[in-house]
Amino acid sequence: MSALQSLNILLVDDNQHMRAITSAILQSAGIRNIREVSDGAMALDVVRDHEVDLAIVDFNMFPLDGVEFTRLVRNSLDSANPYLPIIMMTGHSEKHRVVEARDAGVTEFVVKPITAKAVFDRIQAVILRPRPFVKTQGYFGPDRRRTATALNYRGPRRRSTDVAQSASTDIDGVGTA
């Protein structure tokens, strides 16, 4: 845990009590460099003006929520650090919200009520098992695939839709009847 002491953490949540709980969890591991703000717009200013190693952001905030913050960090031309590890925390764990956060470029996801173990597991994943970043026309962020075989696969057909397509195409690329 002592290796975490040098991290510069940005903690973004509109609920002051949640920031206090999360900050206490981080401090219990010896992390002392914690900047706290209450929304994504203020967080963008911090990312521009200060060195940040990791951001922990709430999903639902106003005027700028955690998903939009993540999109701006990843895709703005003036982004200070598009590769910033971002851990999303939220009380809303519905699949569509997790997918929305993932597709915005969130690195990890933790559900409230948070526990010290959950927070440190996500921090450890970001530090010890960083995923490569992917840039396509519609996405920039950590590789969304999590399984070892998917991460190591280098063949031409990597998407689930490719399997269906290849089943109806013979070796010459001509459809079979």
Protein backbone atom coordinates (compact mmCIF):
# COMPACT_ATOMS: atom_id res chain seq x y z
CA MET A 1 0.00 0.00 0.00
CA SER A 2 2.90 2.38 0.60
CA ALA A 3 3.45 2.60 -3.17
CA LEU A 4 0.10 4.37 -3.43
CA GLN A 5 1.31 7.31 -1.35
CA SER A 6 2.75 9.11 -4.35
CA LEU A 7 -0.48 9.01 -6.38
CA ASN A 8 -2.25 12.25 -7.25
CA ILE A 9 -5.95 11.41 -7.07
CA LEU A 10 -8.81 13.52 -8.38
CA LEU A 11 -12.05 12.73 -6.53
CA VAL A 12 -15.20 14.02 -8.21
CA ASP A 13 -18.63 13.65 -6.59
CA ASP A 14 -21.44 16.13 -6.00
CA ASN A 15 -22.20 14.52 -2.63
CA GLN A 16 -19.83 15.88 0.00
CA HIS A 17 -20.46 12.91 2.30
CA MET A 18 -19.50 10.47 -0.46
CA ARG A 19 -16.32 12.45 -1.12
CA ALA A 20 -15.49 12.29 2.62
CA ILE A 21 -16.02 8.51 2.73
CA THR A 22 -13.98 7.90 -0.41
CA SER A 23 -11.24 10.27 0.74
CA ALA A 24 -11.04 8.46 4.11
CA ILE A 25 -10.68 5.12 2.29
CA LEU A 26 -7.88 6.54 0.14
CA GLN A 27 -6.15 8.11 3.14
CA SER A 28 -6.26 4.77 4.97
CA ALA A 29 -3.82 3.52 2.33
CA GLY A 30 -1.54 6.48 2.87
CA ILE A 31 -2.72 8.49 -0.14
CA ARG A 32 -2.41 12.15 0.76
CA ASN A 33 -2.55 13.92 -2.61
CA ILE A 34 -6.32 14.02 -3.10
CA ARG A 35 -8.06 16.90 -4.87
CA GLU A 36 -11.81 16.97 -4.34
CA VAL A 37 -14.35 18.73 -6.58
CA SER A 38 -18.12 18.51 -6.88
CA ASP A 39 -18.71 18.23 -10.64
CA GLY A 40 -17.15 17.29 -13.94
CA ALA A 41 -16.62 20.87 -15.13
CA MET A 42 -14.46 21.66 -12.10
CA ALA A 43 -12.70 18.33 -12.59
CA LEU A 44 -11.72 19.30 -16.14
CA ASP A 45 -10.09 22.44 -14.76
CA VAL A 46 -8.13 20.35 -12.25
CA VAL A 47 -6.96 17.96 -14.97
CA ARG A 48 -5.79 20.93 -17.06
CA ASP A 49 -4.01 22.71 -14.21
CA HIS A 50 -2.57 19.91 -12.05
CA GLU A 51 -0.86 16.57 -12.41
CA VAL A 52 -3.47 13.84 -11.92
CA ASP A 53 -2.57 10.15 -11.92
CA LEU A 54 -6.07 8.76 -11.42
CA ALA A 55 -9.61 10.17 -11.39
CA ILE A 56 -12.45 8.67 -9.37
CA VAL A 57 -15.71 10.17 -10.61
CA ASP A 58 -19.38 9.87 -9.81
CA PHE A 59 -21.75 8.97 -12.63
CA ASN A 60 -24.57 11.41 -11.94
CA MET A 61 -23.60 15.07 -11.38
CA PHE A 62 -24.70 18.48 -12.62
CA PRO A 63 -23.82 20.42 -14.76
CA LEU A 64 -21.29 17.92 -16.16
CA ASP A 65 -21.68 14.26 -15.22
CA GLY A 66 -19.00 11.60 -15.01
CA VAL A 67 -19.74 10.11 -18.43
CA GLU A 68 -19.43 13.47 -20.20
CA PHE A 69 -16.31 14.28 -18.18
CA THR A 70 -14.81 11.00 -19.39
CA ARG A 71 -15.74 11.72 -23.02
CA LEU A 72 -14.12 15.15 -22.81
CA VAL A 73 -10.95 13.80 -21.17
CA ARG A 74 -10.68 11.12 -23.86
CA ASN A 75 -11.68 13.10 -26.95
CA SER A 76 -11.17 16.85 -26.54
CA LEU A 77 -8.42 18.27 -28.70
CA ASP A 78 -7.15 20.26 -25.71
CA SER A 79 -7.29 17.33 -23.25
CA ALA A 80 -4.33 17.43 -20.88
CA ASN A 81 -4.27 13.64 -20.46
CA PRO A 82 -6.52 11.51 -22.70
CA TYR A 83 -4.95 8.36 -21.19
CA LEU A 84 -5.94 9.28 -17.62
CA PRO A 85 -7.23 6.21 -15.73
CA ILE A 86 -10.83 6.93 -14.73
CA ILE A 87 -12.75 4.89 -12.18
CA MET A 88 -16.50 5.50 -12.31
CA MET A 89 -18.47 5.05 -9.08
CA THR A 90 -22.22 5.06 -8.97
CA GLY A 91 -25.25 3.80 -7.14
CA HIS A 92 -26.80 2.99 -10.51
CA SER A 93 -25.47 -0.35 -11.70
CA GLU A 94 -28.00 -1.05 -14.42
CA LYS A 95 -26.43 -2.63 -17.48
CA HIS A 96 -27.20 0.32 -19.77
CA ARG A 97 -25.35 2.67 -17.39
CA VAL A 98 -22.33 0.40 -17.16
CA VAL A 99 -22.28 0.12 -20.97
CA GLU A 100 -22.63 3.90 -21.34
CA ALA A 101 -19.69 4.49 -18.98
CA ARG A 102 -17.61 1.81 -20.70
CA ASP A 103 -18.35 3.24 -24.12
CA ALA A 104 -17.35 6.73 -22.94
CA GLY A 105 -13.91 5.34 -22.05
CA VAL A 106 -14.12 4.65 -18.33
CA THR A 107 -11.26 2.43 -17.18
CA GLU A 108 -12.97 0.71 -14.23
CA PHE A 109 -16.39 0.76 -12.55
CA VAL A 110 -17.33 0.48 -8.85
CA VAL A 111 -20.85 0.37 -7.41
CA LYS A 112 -21.96 2.31 -4.34
CA PRO A 113 -22.07 1.70 -1.49
CA ILE A 114 -18.33 1.42 -2.01
CA THR A 115 -16.01 -0.63 0.14
CA ALA A 116 -12.30 -0.15 0.69
CA LYS A 117 -11.68 -3.51 -0.98
CA ALA A 118 -13.67 -2.55 -4.08
CA VAL A 119 -11.88 0.79 -4.43
CA PHE A 120 -8.43 -0.73 -3.96
CA ASP A 121 -9.22 -3.62 -6.31
CA ARG A 122 -10.04 -1.08 -9.05
CA ILE A 123 -6.97 1.04 -8.31
CA GLN A 124 -4.83 -2.10 -8.38
CA ALA A 125 -6.37 -3.15 -11.71
CA VAL A 126 -5.59 0.26 -13.21
CA ILE A 127 -1.99 0.20 -11.99
CA LEU A 128 -1.03 -3.48 -12.24
CA ARG A 129 -3.17 -4.58 -15.19
CA PRO A 130 -3.56 -1.56 -17.45
CA ARG A 131 -5.43 -2.28 -20.64
CA PRO A 132 -4.10 -0.95 -23.95
CA PHE A 133 -5.93 2.00 -25.44
CA VAL A 134 -7.90 1.66 -28.65
CA LYS A 135 -8.69 4.43 -31.12
CA THR A 136 -11.39 3.96 -33.72
CA GLN A 137 -13.66 6.41 -35.48
CA GLY A 138 -16.30 6.05 -32.76
CA TYR A 139 -14.27 5.25 -29.65
CA PHE A 140 -11.10 6.18 -27.82
CA GLY A 141 -10.28 4.59 -24.49
CA PRO A 142 -9.14 1.41 -22.80
CA ASP A 143 -9.72 -1.81 -24.68
CA ARG A 144 -13.23 -2.90 -23.67
CA ARG A 145 -12.44 -6.60 -23.95
CA ARG A 146 -11.57 -8.18 -20.62
CA THR A 147 -10.93 -11.87 -21.25
CA ALA A 148 -7.35 -13.03 -21.74
CA THR A 149 -8.11 -14.81 -25.00
CA ALA A 150 -9.83 -11.74 -26.42
CA LEU A 151 -6.92 -9.51 -25.41
CA ASN A 152 -4.36 -11.85 -26.97
CA TYR A 153 -6.26 -12.59 -30.18
CA ARG A 154 -4.61 -11.04 -33.23
CA GLY A 155 -6.62 -12.63 -36.03
CA PRO A 156 -8.72 -10.90 -38.66
CA ARG A 157 -12.13 -11.59 -37.12
CA ARG A 158 -12.46 -10.21 -33.60
CA ARG A 159 -16.11 -9.22 -33.30
CA SER A 160 -19.09 -11.44 -32.50
CA THR A 161 -20.74 -10.33 -35.77
CA ASP A 162 -17.69 -11.57 -37.68
CA VAL A 163 -18.48 -15.16 -36.62
CA ALA A 164 -21.94 -15.03 -38.17
CA GLN A 165 -20.53 -13.42 -41.29
CA SER A 166 -17.77 -16.02 -41.70
CA ALA A 167 -20.24 -18.90 -41.26
CA SER A 168 -22.10 -17.79 -44.39
CA THR A 169 -18.95 -17.20 -46.46
CA ASP A 170 -16.75 -19.92 -47.93
CA ILE A 171 -12.95 -19.74 -48.18
CA ASP A 172 -12.99 -17.66 -51.39
CA GLY A 173 -15.26 -15.06 -49.80
CA VAL A 174 -18.25 -16.23 -51.81
CA GLY A 175 -21.49 -16.86 -49.93
CA THR A 176 -22.69 -20.42 -49.59
CA ALA A 177 -26.25 -21.42 -50.18
